[in-house]
Amino acid sequence: MTHFAKAKLSRRHFLAGSAALVATPVVAQDVDGADTVEIERDVSNVVRRNISSFRTLDWQPHFSNLNNGAILVDISSRALHFWEESGTYHLFPSSVPLTEDLTRRGRTKIVRKVEGPSWRPTPSMKKRNPEWPDYVGPGPDNPLGTHALYLGWTYYRIHGTHDTRKIGRRSSNGCIGLYNEHIAQLFEMAKVGTQVLLI
């Protein structure tokens, strides 16, 4: 094998390995808190660069156990890390809140799982955007995508999106978004009671 052929093979292996890492699932966790948060900003016309950096993490610095599994959402790297109760690890690229004031950090848990979720704007969203519908049912126009994991904080969810441009960006009103195929995978693995941490 020539030097050129070896270099090509090494580059091909590197690219394949990088693609496999990006395709690996991710998990997230929320912060404890009883306050209700309403999003006060219309982010529908804001565009941010789509940049994510992926690195694997260990669960031990963030959780005392993996009972019911554990989700860690890293806002700065725009990645969701998920550990099954068995310790199996998944990494997913995500969208995160547009600004710090829309971002909630801390611990919470999944309190409800919905396949084919419906969506209603918060009262503050509706006040700012009276032309928005009061209700959007399941389907391709739904901002929550195909599946939603409801967190212990009002208005906060980990959900899918039909707008794939949002993934890897600061683009949400506060929720964590995943590609629909990734939220479907996470939906099957996560449970009501899965611990969630947002950092």
N, C-alpha and C. Protein backbone atom coordinates (compact mmCIF):
# COMPACT_ATOMS: atom_id res chain seq x y z
N MET A 1 0.85 -1.18 0.00
CA MET A 1 0.00 0.00 0.00
C MET A 1 0.89 1.24 0.00
N THR A 2 0.60 2.20 -0.84
CA THR A 2 1.41 3.42 -0.93
C THR A 2 1.15 4.33 0.25
N HIS A 3 2.06 5.28 0.46
CA HIS A 3 1.88 6.27 1.52
C HIS A 3 0.58 7.05 1.32
N PHE A 4 0.28 7.41 0.06
CA PHE A 4 -0.94 8.17 -0.26
C PHE A 4 -2.18 7.35 0.11
N ALA A 5 -2.19 6.07 -0.21
CA ALA A 5 -3.35 5.21 0.10
C ALA A 5 -3.53 5.08 1.60
N LYS A 6 -2.41 4.95 2.35
CA LYS A 6 -2.50 4.87 3.82
C LYS A 6 -3.08 6.15 4.39
N ALA A 7 -2.65 7.32 3.86
CA ALA A 7 -3.15 8.61 4.35
C ALA A 7 -4.64 8.73 4.10
N LYS A 8 -5.09 8.27 2.91
CA LYS A 8 -6.51 8.33 2.59
C LYS A 8 -7.32 7.44 3.53
N LEU A 9 -6.81 6.25 3.80
CA LEU A 9 -7.50 5.32 4.67
C LEU A 9 -7.60 5.90 6.08
N SER A 10 -6.55 6.49 6.58
CA SER A 10 -6.56 7.08 7.91
C SER A 10 -7.56 8.22 7.99
N ARG A 11 -7.60 9.05 6.96
CA ARG A 11 -8.55 10.17 6.94
C ARG A 11 -9.98 9.63 6.93
N ARG A 12 -10.22 8.58 6.14
CA ARG A 12 -11.55 7.98 6.06
C ARG A 12 -11.97 7.44 7.43
N HIS A 13 -11.04 6.76 8.12
CA HIS A 13 -11.36 6.24 9.45
C HIS A 13 -11.65 7.37 10.43
N PHE A 14 -10.86 8.44 10.34
CA PHE A 14 -11.09 9.59 11.22
C PHE A 14 -12.46 10.18 10.99
N LEU A 15 -12.83 10.40 9.73
CA LEU A 15 -14.14 10.98 9.42
C LEU A 15 -15.28 10.06 9.86
N ALA A 16 -15.14 8.77 9.64
CA ALA A 16 -16.17 7.81 10.06
C ALA A 16 -16.31 7.81 11.57
N GLY A 17 -15.18 7.84 12.28
CA GLY A 17 -15.22 7.88 13.74
C GLY A 17 -15.86 9.15 14.26
N SER A 18 -15.56 10.28 13.62
CA SER A 18 -16.16 11.56 14.03
C SER A 18 -17.66 11.54 13.81
N ALA A 19 -18.10 11.00 12.69
CA ALA A 19 -19.54 10.92 12.40
C ALA A 19 -20.24 10.03 13.41
N ALA A 20 -19.60 8.93 13.80
CA ALA A 20 -20.22 8.03 14.78
C ALA A 20 -20.36 8.72 16.12
N LEU A 21 -19.38 9.51 16.52
CA LEU A 21 -19.45 10.22 17.79
C LEU A 21 -20.59 11.21 17.80
N VAL A 22 -20.76 11.96 16.72
CA VAL A 22 -21.83 12.95 16.63
C VAL A 22 -23.19 12.27 16.66
N ALA A 23 -23.29 11.07 16.10
CA ALA A 23 -24.57 10.38 16.03
C ALA A 23 -24.94 9.70 17.35
N THR A 24 -24.03 9.67 18.29
CA THR A 24 -24.30 9.02 19.56
C THR A 24 -25.26 9.88 20.38
N PRO A 25 -26.24 9.29 21.11
CA PRO A 25 -27.23 10.03 21.88
C PRO A 25 -26.67 10.79 23.08
N VAL A 26 -27.45 11.78 23.56
CA VAL A 26 -27.07 12.59 24.71
C VAL A 26 -28.19 12.67 25.75
N VAL A 27 -27.92 13.07 27.00
CA VAL A 27 -28.93 13.20 28.03
C VAL A 27 -28.83 14.52 28.78
N ALA A 28 -29.89 14.91 29.51
CA ALA A 28 -29.88 16.18 30.21
C ALA A 28 -30.53 16.08 31.57
N GLN A 29 -30.24 17.03 32.49
CA GLN A 29 -30.90 17.11 33.79
C GLN A 29 -31.25 18.53 34.16
N ASP A 30 -32.30 18.71 35.01
CA ASP A 30 -32.76 20.05 35.41
C ASP A 30 -32.40 20.39 36.84
N VAL A 31 -32.64 21.63 37.20
CA VAL A 31 -32.35 22.11 38.54
C VAL A 31 -33.61 22.09 39.38
N ASP A 32 -33.47 21.85 40.67
CA ASP A 32 -34.64 21.89 41.55
C ASP A 32 -35.12 23.32 41.68
N GLY A 33 -36.43 23.47 41.70
CA GLY A 33 -36.99 24.80 41.87
C GLY A 33 -38.47 24.75 41.67
N ALA A 34 -39.20 25.59 42.41
CA ALA A 34 -40.65 25.58 42.34
C ALA A 34 -41.19 26.75 41.55
N ASP A 35 -40.33 27.67 41.15
CA ASP A 35 -40.81 28.85 40.45
C ASP A 35 -41.30 28.53 39.05
N THR A 36 -42.38 29.18 38.67
CA THR A 36 -42.88 29.07 37.31
C THR A 36 -42.19 30.12 36.47
N VAL A 37 -41.77 29.74 35.29
CA VAL A 37 -41.07 30.67 34.41
C VAL A 37 -41.85 30.80 33.12
N GLU A 38 -42.14 32.02 32.73
CA GLU A 38 -42.75 32.28 31.44
C GLU A 38 -41.71 32.94 30.56
N ILE A 39 -41.64 32.51 29.33
CA ILE A 39 -40.68 33.07 28.40
C ILE A 39 -41.21 34.40 27.91
N GLU A 40 -40.37 35.41 27.91
CA GLU A 40 -40.80 36.77 27.59
C GLU A 40 -40.29 37.27 26.25
N ARG A 41 -39.75 36.40 25.42
CA ARG A 41 -39.10 36.87 24.21
C ARG A 41 -39.54 36.06 23.00
N ASP A 42 -39.77 36.74 21.90
CA ASP A 42 -40.08 36.07 20.64
C ASP A 42 -38.75 35.82 19.94
N VAL A 43 -38.38 34.56 19.79
CA VAL A 43 -37.09 34.24 19.20
C VAL A 43 -37.25 33.69 17.79
N SER A 44 -38.44 33.81 17.22
CA SER A 44 -38.70 33.16 15.94
C SER A 44 -37.86 33.73 14.80
N ASN A 45 -37.43 34.99 14.90
CA ASN A 45 -36.67 35.59 13.81
C ASN A 45 -35.18 35.71 14.09
N VAL A 46 -34.74 35.18 15.22
CA VAL A 46 -33.33 35.30 15.59
C VAL A 46 -32.55 34.14 15.00
N VAL A 47 -31.39 34.44 14.47
CA VAL A 47 -30.54 33.40 13.88
C VAL A 47 -29.19 33.42 14.60
N ARG A 48 -28.74 32.26 14.99
CA ARG A 48 -27.43 32.12 15.62
C ARG A 48 -26.64 31.07 14.84
N ARG A 49 -25.33 31.12 14.95
CA ARG A 49 -24.50 30.12 14.30
C ARG A 49 -24.75 28.76 14.92
N ASN A 50 -24.70 27.75 14.11
CA ASN A 50 -24.94 26.38 14.54
C ASN A 50 -23.60 25.75 14.91
N ILE A 51 -23.24 25.84 16.18
CA ILE A 51 -21.94 25.34 16.62
C ILE A 51 -22.15 24.45 17.85
N SER A 52 -21.66 23.25 17.79
CA SER A 52 -21.69 22.35 18.94
C SER A 52 -20.32 21.71 19.07
N SER A 53 -19.92 21.48 20.30
CA SER A 53 -18.69 20.73 20.51
C SER A 53 -19.08 19.51 21.33
N PHE A 54 -18.61 18.35 20.94
CA PHE A 54 -19.02 17.14 21.61
C PHE A 54 -17.85 16.52 22.33
N ARG A 55 -18.08 16.19 23.58
CA ARG A 55 -17.09 15.48 24.37
C ARG A 55 -17.86 14.55 25.29
N THR A 56 -17.34 13.37 25.49
CA THR A 56 -18.01 12.43 26.38
C THR A 56 -17.78 12.85 27.82
N LEU A 57 -18.73 12.55 28.65
CA LEU A 57 -18.65 12.90 30.07
C LEU A 57 -18.90 11.65 30.91
N ASP A 58 -18.41 11.68 32.13
CA ASP A 58 -18.72 10.64 33.11
C ASP A 58 -19.88 11.11 33.96
N TRP A 59 -20.70 10.20 34.41
CA TRP A 59 -21.88 10.58 35.19
C TRP A 59 -21.54 10.89 36.65
N GLN A 60 -20.47 10.28 37.19
CA GLN A 60 -20.19 10.39 38.62
C GLN A 60 -20.02 11.82 39.15
N PRO A 61 -19.41 12.75 38.42
CA PRO A 61 -19.30 14.09 38.98
C PRO A 61 -20.65 14.83 39.09
N HIS A 62 -21.68 14.30 38.42
CA HIS A 62 -22.95 15.02 38.34
C HIS A 62 -24.10 14.33 39.07
N PHE A 63 -24.01 13.02 39.28
CA PHE A 63 -25.09 12.25 39.90
C PHE A 63 -24.53 11.30 40.93
N SER A 64 -25.31 11.02 41.97
CA SER A 64 -24.87 10.07 42.98
C SER A 64 -25.19 8.63 42.59
N ASN A 65 -26.13 8.46 41.64
CA ASN A 65 -26.51 7.13 41.17
C ASN A 65 -27.17 7.25 39.81
N LEU A 66 -27.49 6.13 39.20
CA LEU A 66 -28.17 6.11 37.91
C LEU A 66 -29.57 5.51 38.03
N ASN A 67 -30.16 5.58 39.21
CA ASN A 67 -31.52 5.07 39.40
C ASN A 67 -32.46 5.79 38.45
N ASN A 68 -33.21 5.04 37.66
CA ASN A 68 -34.13 5.57 36.63
C ASN A 68 -33.40 6.26 35.48
N GLY A 69 -32.08 6.18 35.43
CA GLY A 69 -31.31 6.85 34.38
C GLY A 69 -31.04 8.29 34.74
N ALA A 70 -30.20 8.94 33.95
CA ALA A 70 -29.80 10.32 34.24
C ALA A 70 -29.56 11.08 32.95
N ILE A 71 -30.09 12.30 32.90
CA ILE A 71 -29.92 13.19 31.76
C ILE A 71 -29.15 14.42 32.21
N LEU A 72 -28.10 14.75 31.47
CA LEU A 72 -27.31 15.96 31.71
C LEU A 72 -27.35 16.79 30.44
N VAL A 73 -27.82 18.03 30.55
CA VAL A 73 -27.80 18.95 29.41
C VAL A 73 -26.71 19.98 29.67
N ASP A 74 -25.74 20.03 28.77
CA ASP A 74 -24.66 21.00 28.86
C ASP A 74 -25.01 22.15 27.91
N ILE A 75 -25.43 23.28 28.48
CA ILE A 75 -25.89 24.43 27.68
C ILE A 75 -24.76 24.97 26.82
N SER A 76 -23.54 25.06 27.36
CA SER A 76 -22.45 25.68 26.61
C SER A 76 -22.03 24.84 25.42
N SER A 77 -22.03 23.51 25.54
CA SER A 77 -21.64 22.68 24.40
C SER A 77 -22.83 22.26 23.55
N ARG A 78 -24.03 22.59 23.99
CA ARG A 78 -25.27 22.28 23.25
C ARG A 78 -25.38 20.80 22.99
N ALA A 79 -25.24 20.04 24.08
CA ALA A 79 -25.29 18.59 23.99
C ALA A 79 -26.10 18.03 25.15
N LEU A 80 -26.80 16.94 24.88
CA LEU A 80 -27.55 16.23 25.91
C LEU A 80 -26.91 14.87 26.10
N HIS A 81 -26.57 14.55 27.34
CA HIS A 81 -25.95 13.28 27.70
C HIS A 81 -26.97 12.45 28.45
N PHE A 82 -27.07 11.17 28.12
CA PHE A 82 -28.00 10.29 28.81
C PHE A 82 -27.31 8.99 29.19
N TRP A 83 -27.46 8.62 30.46
CA TRP A 83 -26.96 7.36 30.96
C TRP A 83 -28.16 6.51 31.36
N GLU A 84 -28.25 5.34 30.76
CA GLU A 84 -29.27 4.39 31.19
C GLU A 84 -28.91 3.89 32.58
N GLU A 85 -29.87 3.28 33.26
CA GLU A 85 -29.62 2.76 34.60
C GLU A 85 -28.47 1.75 34.60
N SER A 86 -28.30 1.06 33.49
CA SER A 86 -27.21 0.07 33.35
C SER A 86 -25.84 0.73 33.18
N GLY A 87 -25.83 2.04 32.90
CA GLY A 87 -24.58 2.75 32.66
C GLY A 87 -24.31 3.01 31.19
N THR A 88 -25.11 2.42 30.29
CA THR A 88 -24.94 2.67 28.86
C THR A 88 -25.14 4.15 28.58
N TYR A 89 -24.25 4.71 27.79
CA TYR A 89 -24.16 6.17 27.57
C TYR A 89 -24.59 6.56 26.17
N HIS A 90 -25.31 7.68 26.07
CA HIS A 90 -25.77 8.21 24.78
C HIS A 90 -25.50 9.72 24.75
N LEU A 91 -25.15 10.23 23.59
CA LEU A 91 -24.85 11.65 23.41
C LEU A 91 -25.63 12.19 22.21
N PHE A 92 -26.37 13.31 22.41
CA PHE A 92 -27.18 13.89 21.34
C PHE A 92 -26.90 15.39 21.21
N PRO A 93 -26.77 15.91 19.99
CA PRO A 93 -26.71 17.37 19.81
C PRO A 93 -28.07 17.96 20.14
N SER A 94 -28.09 19.19 20.64
CA SER A 94 -29.36 19.80 21.05
C SER A 94 -29.40 21.29 20.72
N SER A 95 -30.61 21.82 20.74
CA SER A 95 -30.77 23.27 20.76
C SER A 95 -30.93 23.67 22.22
N VAL A 96 -30.55 24.89 22.53
CA VAL A 96 -30.61 25.38 23.91
C VAL A 96 -31.24 26.77 23.90
N PRO A 97 -31.57 27.31 25.09
CA PRO A 97 -32.19 28.63 25.14
C PRO A 97 -31.33 29.70 24.47
N LEU A 98 -32.01 30.66 23.89
CA LEU A 98 -31.38 31.73 23.11
C LEU A 98 -30.45 32.60 23.95
N THR A 99 -30.87 32.91 25.17
CA THR A 99 -30.09 33.81 26.02
C THR A 99 -30.00 33.24 27.42
N GLU A 100 -29.11 33.81 28.23
CA GLU A 100 -28.95 33.39 29.62
C GLU A 100 -30.23 33.63 30.41
N ASP A 101 -30.93 34.74 30.17
CA ASP A 101 -32.14 35.01 30.96
C ASP A 101 -33.27 34.03 30.65
N LEU A 102 -33.19 33.31 29.54
CA LEU A 102 -34.17 32.28 29.22
C LEU A 102 -33.74 30.91 29.71
N THR A 103 -32.51 30.82 30.23
CA THR A 103 -31.92 29.54 30.60
C THR A 103 -32.16 29.24 32.07
N ARG A 104 -32.61 28.05 32.32
CA ARG A 104 -32.75 27.59 33.70
C ARG A 104 -31.76 26.47 33.92
N ARG A 105 -31.05 26.53 35.02
CA ARG A 105 -30.07 25.50 35.34
C ARG A 105 -30.43 24.87 36.68
N GLY A 106 -30.01 23.64 36.85
CA GLY A 106 -30.25 22.95 38.11
C GLY A 106 -30.83 21.57 37.91
N ARG A 107 -31.40 21.03 38.99
CA ARG A 107 -31.90 19.65 38.99
C ARG A 107 -33.42 19.60 38.97
N THR A 108 -33.93 18.67 38.20
CA THR A 108 -35.35 18.37 38.15
C THR A 108 -35.49 16.92 37.73
N LYS A 109 -36.62 16.54 37.22
CA LYS A 109 -36.82 15.17 36.72
C LYS A 109 -37.91 15.18 35.67
N ILE A 110 -38.01 14.10 34.94
CA ILE A 110 -39.09 13.95 33.97
C ILE A 110 -40.36 13.61 34.74
N VAL A 111 -41.42 14.38 34.51
CA VAL A 111 -42.68 14.15 35.21
C VAL A 111 -43.78 13.60 34.30
N ARG A 112 -43.56 13.69 32.97
CA ARG A 112 -44.57 13.19 32.03
C ARG A 112 -43.91 12.96 30.69
N LYS A 113 -44.40 11.97 29.95
CA LYS A 113 -43.91 11.67 28.61
C LYS A 113 -45.11 11.70 27.67
N VAL A 114 -44.98 12.41 26.53
CA VAL A 114 -46.09 12.51 25.59
C VAL A 114 -45.58 12.27 24.17
N GLU A 115 -46.16 11.29 23.51
CA GLU A 115 -45.90 11.07 22.10
C GLU A 115 -46.97 11.83 21.32
N GLY A 116 -46.57 12.60 20.31
CA GLY A 116 -47.51 13.44 19.57
C GLY A 116 -48.05 14.57 20.44
N PRO A 117 -47.15 15.39 21.03
CA PRO A 117 -47.61 16.44 21.95
C PRO A 117 -48.34 17.56 21.22
N SER A 118 -49.21 18.23 21.96
CA SER A 118 -49.83 19.46 21.47
C SER A 118 -49.07 20.63 22.10
N TRP A 119 -49.29 21.82 21.56
CA TRP A 119 -48.56 23.00 22.06
C TRP A 119 -49.49 24.18 22.20
N ARG A 120 -49.31 24.93 23.26
CA ARG A 120 -50.01 26.20 23.48
C ARG A 120 -48.96 27.24 23.87
N PRO A 121 -49.02 28.43 23.29
CA PRO A 121 -48.07 29.47 23.72
C PRO A 121 -48.36 29.88 25.16
N THR A 122 -47.33 30.30 25.87
CA THR A 122 -47.55 30.81 27.23
C THR A 122 -48.34 32.11 27.13
N PRO A 123 -48.96 32.55 28.22
CA PRO A 123 -49.71 33.83 28.18
C PRO A 123 -48.86 35.01 27.71
N SER A 124 -47.60 35.05 28.13
CA SER A 124 -46.74 36.16 27.72
C SER A 124 -46.39 36.08 26.24
N MET A 125 -46.21 34.88 25.72
CA MET A 125 -45.96 34.73 24.28
C MET A 125 -47.17 35.22 23.48
N LYS A 126 -48.35 34.83 23.95
CA LYS A 126 -49.58 35.20 23.24
C LYS A 126 -49.81 36.71 23.29
N LYS A 127 -49.46 37.34 24.39
CA LYS A 127 -49.61 38.79 24.51
C LYS A 127 -48.71 39.51 23.52
N ARG A 128 -47.48 39.04 23.38
CA ARG A 128 -46.54 39.65 22.45
C ARG A 128 -46.86 39.32 21.00
N ASN A 129 -47.44 38.16 20.79
CA ASN A 129 -47.69 37.67 19.44
C ASN A 129 -49.15 37.23 19.31
N PRO A 130 -50.09 38.18 19.29
CA PRO A 130 -51.51 37.80 19.27
C PRO A 130 -51.91 37.02 18.02
N GLU A 131 -51.09 37.10 16.97
CA GLU A 131 -51.41 36.35 15.74
C GLU A 131 -51.08 34.86 15.87
N TRP A 132 -50.33 34.47 16.90
CA TRP A 132 -50.02 33.07 17.08
C TRP A 132 -51.28 32.29 17.44
N PRO A 133 -51.38 31.05 17.01
CA PRO A 133 -52.56 30.26 17.36
C PRO A 133 -52.60 29.97 18.86
N ASP A 134 -53.80 29.76 19.37
CA ASP A 134 -53.94 29.41 20.79
C ASP A 134 -53.54 27.96 21.04
N TYR A 135 -53.57 27.16 19.97
CA TYR A 135 -53.33 25.73 20.12
C TYR A 135 -52.80 25.18 18.80
N VAL A 136 -51.80 24.30 18.90
CA VAL A 136 -51.31 23.57 17.73
C VAL A 136 -51.30 22.09 18.10
N GLY A 137 -52.03 21.30 17.36
CA GLY A 137 -52.10 19.87 17.62
C GLY A 137 -50.88 19.14 17.11
N PRO A 138 -50.81 17.84 17.33
CA PRO A 138 -49.68 17.05 16.83
C PRO A 138 -49.58 17.16 15.31
N GLY A 139 -48.36 17.12 14.81
CA GLY A 139 -48.16 17.18 13.37
C GLY A 139 -46.96 18.01 12.99
N PRO A 140 -46.75 18.23 11.70
CA PRO A 140 -45.54 18.88 11.22
C PRO A 140 -45.41 20.36 11.60
N ASP A 141 -46.50 21.01 12.02
CA ASP A 141 -46.43 22.41 12.42
C ASP A 141 -46.21 22.58 13.92
N ASN A 142 -46.18 21.49 14.65
CA ASN A 142 -46.06 21.57 16.10
C ASN A 142 -44.62 21.86 16.51
N PRO A 143 -44.39 22.92 17.31
CA PRO A 143 -43.02 23.25 17.72
C PRO A 143 -42.36 22.22 18.63
N LEU A 144 -43.15 21.28 19.19
CA LEU A 144 -42.58 20.28 20.08
C LEU A 144 -42.18 19.00 19.36
N GLY A 145 -42.31 18.98 18.05
CA GLY A 145 -41.89 17.80 17.30
C GLY A 145 -42.77 16.60 17.58
N THR A 146 -42.16 15.42 17.56
CA THR A 146 -42.92 14.17 17.65
C THR A 146 -43.09 13.64 19.08
N HIS A 147 -42.20 14.03 19.98
CA HIS A 147 -42.23 13.53 21.37
C HIS A 147 -41.80 14.65 22.31
N ALA A 148 -42.33 14.61 23.54
CA ALA A 148 -41.92 15.60 24.55
C ALA A 148 -41.77 14.93 25.90
N LEU A 149 -40.71 15.29 26.59
CA LEU A 149 -40.47 14.88 27.98
C LEU A 149 -40.68 16.12 28.84
N TYR A 150 -41.75 16.12 29.63
CA TYR A 150 -42.09 17.27 30.46
C TYR A 150 -41.28 17.22 31.74
N LEU A 151 -40.69 18.35 32.09
CA LEU A 151 -39.85 18.44 33.28
C LEU A 151 -40.64 18.98 34.46
N GLY A 152 -40.05 18.92 35.64
CA GLY A 152 -40.70 19.37 36.85
C GLY A 152 -40.89 20.87 36.92
N TRP A 153 -40.36 21.62 35.97
CA TRP A 153 -40.54 23.06 35.92
C TRP A 153 -41.62 23.39 34.89
N THR A 154 -42.55 24.25 35.25
CA THR A 154 -43.60 24.65 34.32
C THR A 154 -43.01 25.27 33.07
N TYR A 155 -43.52 24.87 31.91
CA TYR A 155 -43.13 25.35 30.58
C TYR A 155 -41.80 24.80 30.08
N TYR A 156 -41.13 23.94 30.83
CA TYR A 156 -39.84 23.41 30.38
C TYR A 156 -39.97 21.96 29.94
N ARG A 157 -39.39 21.67 28.77
CA ARG A 157 -39.47 20.34 28.21
C ARG A 157 -38.18 20.01 27.45
N ILE A 158 -37.96 18.73 27.28
CA ILE A 158 -37.00 18.23 26.30
C ILE A 158 -37.88 17.66 25.20
N HIS A 159 -37.75 18.18 24.01
CA HIS A 159 -38.69 17.78 22.96
C HIS A 159 -38.01 17.74 21.60
N GLY A 160 -38.71 17.22 20.62
CA GLY A 160 -38.20 17.18 19.26
C GLY A 160 -38.47 18.49 18.54
N THR A 161 -38.01 18.57 17.31
CA THR A 161 -38.32 19.73 16.48
C THR A 161 -38.36 19.30 15.02
N HIS A 162 -39.30 19.89 14.30
CA HIS A 162 -39.38 19.66 12.86
C HIS A 162 -38.42 20.60 12.12
N ASP A 163 -37.94 21.66 12.80
CA ASP A 163 -37.00 22.61 12.21
C ASP A 163 -35.59 22.22 12.59
N THR A 164 -34.96 21.40 11.76
CA THR A 164 -33.65 20.85 12.11
C THR A 164 -32.55 21.90 12.16
N ARG A 165 -32.80 23.11 11.62
CA ARG A 165 -31.80 24.18 11.69
C ARG A 165 -31.55 24.64 13.12
N LYS A 166 -32.47 24.36 14.02
CA LYS A 166 -32.33 24.81 15.41
C LYS A 166 -31.32 24.00 16.21
N ILE A 167 -31.08 22.76 15.81
CA ILE A 167 -30.20 21.89 16.59
C ILE A 167 -28.76 22.40 16.50
N GLY A 168 -28.10 22.47 17.66
CA GLY A 168 -26.74 22.98 17.74
C GLY A 168 -26.69 24.49 17.90
N ARG A 169 -27.86 25.11 18.08
CA ARG A 169 -27.93 26.57 18.19
C ARG A 169 -28.54 27.01 19.51
N ARG A 170 -28.30 28.26 19.82
CA ARG A 170 -29.06 28.94 20.86
C ARG A 170 -30.29 29.47 20.17
N SER A 171 -31.40 28.74 20.26
CA SER A 171 -32.55 29.08 19.44
C SER A 171 -33.90 28.91 20.13
N SER A 172 -33.93 28.45 21.38
CA SER A 172 -35.22 28.15 21.99
C SER A 172 -35.64 29.22 22.98
N ASN A 173 -36.91 29.13 23.38
CA ASN A 173 -37.47 30.01 24.41
C ASN A 173 -37.21 29.48 25.81
N GLY A 174 -36.45 28.41 25.93
CA GLY A 174 -36.15 27.86 27.24
C GLY A 174 -36.03 26.34 27.25
N CYS A 175 -36.66 25.68 26.30
CA CYS A 175 -36.64 24.22 26.24
C CYS A 175 -35.35 23.72 25.60
N ILE A 176 -35.16 22.40 25.70
CA ILE A 176 -34.05 21.71 25.07
C ILE A 176 -34.63 20.92 23.90
N GLY A 177 -34.12 21.16 22.70
CA GLY A 177 -34.65 20.51 21.51
C GLY A 177 -33.68 19.47 20.95
N LEU A 178 -34.25 18.39 20.41
CA LEU A 178 -33.47 17.34 19.77
C LEU A 178 -34.06 17.06 18.39
N TYR A 179 -33.26 16.47 17.52
CA TYR A 179 -33.81 15.96 16.27
C TYR A 179 -34.93 14.99 16.62
N ASN A 180 -35.97 14.92 15.79
CA ASN A 180 -37.09 14.02 16.08
C ASN A 180 -36.65 12.58 16.25
N GLU A 181 -35.69 12.12 15.44
CA GLU A 181 -35.25 10.73 15.59
C GLU A 181 -34.52 10.51 16.91
N HIS A 182 -33.85 11.53 17.42
CA HIS A 182 -33.15 11.40 18.70
C HIS A 182 -34.12 11.47 19.88
N ILE A 183 -35.10 12.36 19.82
CA ILE A 183 -36.06 12.42 20.93
C ILE A 183 -36.86 11.12 20.99
N ALA A 184 -37.13 10.51 19.84
CA ALA A 184 -37.84 9.22 19.84
C ALA A 184 -37.01 8.16 20.55
N GLN A 185 -35.69 8.16 20.33
CA GLN A 185 -34.81 7.20 21.01
C GLN A 185 -34.79 7.47 22.51
N LEU A 186 -34.59 8.74 22.88
CA LEU A 186 -34.55 9.10 24.29
C LEU A 186 -35.88 8.81 24.98
N PHE A 187 -36.97 9.08 24.29
CA PHE A 187 -38.31 8.85 24.82
C PHE A 187 -38.48 7.38 25.22
N GLU A 188 -37.96 6.47 24.41
CA GLU A 188 -38.08 5.05 24.71
C GLU A 188 -37.23 4.64 25.92
N MET A 189 -36.08 5.30 26.10
CA MET A 189 -35.15 4.90 27.16
C MET A 189 -35.44 5.59 28.49
N ALA A 190 -35.83 6.86 28.45
CA ALA A 190 -36.06 7.62 29.69
C ALA A 190 -37.39 7.24 30.31
N LYS A 191 -37.51 7.47 31.60
CA LYS A 191 -38.72 7.11 32.34
C LYS A 191 -39.26 8.34 33.05
N VAL A 192 -40.53 8.28 33.43
CA VAL A 192 -41.02 9.26 34.39
C VAL A 192 -40.22 9.02 35.66
N GLY A 193 -39.61 10.06 36.16
CA GLY A 193 -38.72 9.93 37.32
C GLY A 193 -37.24 9.97 36.97
N THR A 194 -36.90 9.91 35.67
CA THR A 194 -35.49 10.05 35.29
C THR A 194 -34.97 11.40 35.77
N GLN A 195 -33.83 11.39 36.43
CA GLN A 195 -33.23 12.62 36.96
C GLN A 195 -32.64 13.45 35.83
N VAL A 196 -32.77 14.76 35.95
CA VAL A 196 -32.32 15.67 34.90
C VAL A 196 -31.52 16.80 35.54
N LEU A 197 -30.40 17.13 34.92
CA LEU A 197 -29.55 18.23 35.39
C LEU A 197 -29.18 19.10 34.21
N LEU A 198 -29.42 20.40 34.32
CA LEU A 198 -28.97 21.37 33.31
C LEU A 198 -27.83 22.17 33.89
N ILE A 199 -26.69 22.20 33.16
CA ILE A 199 -25.52 22.93 33.66
C ILE A 199 -25.10 23.96 32.61
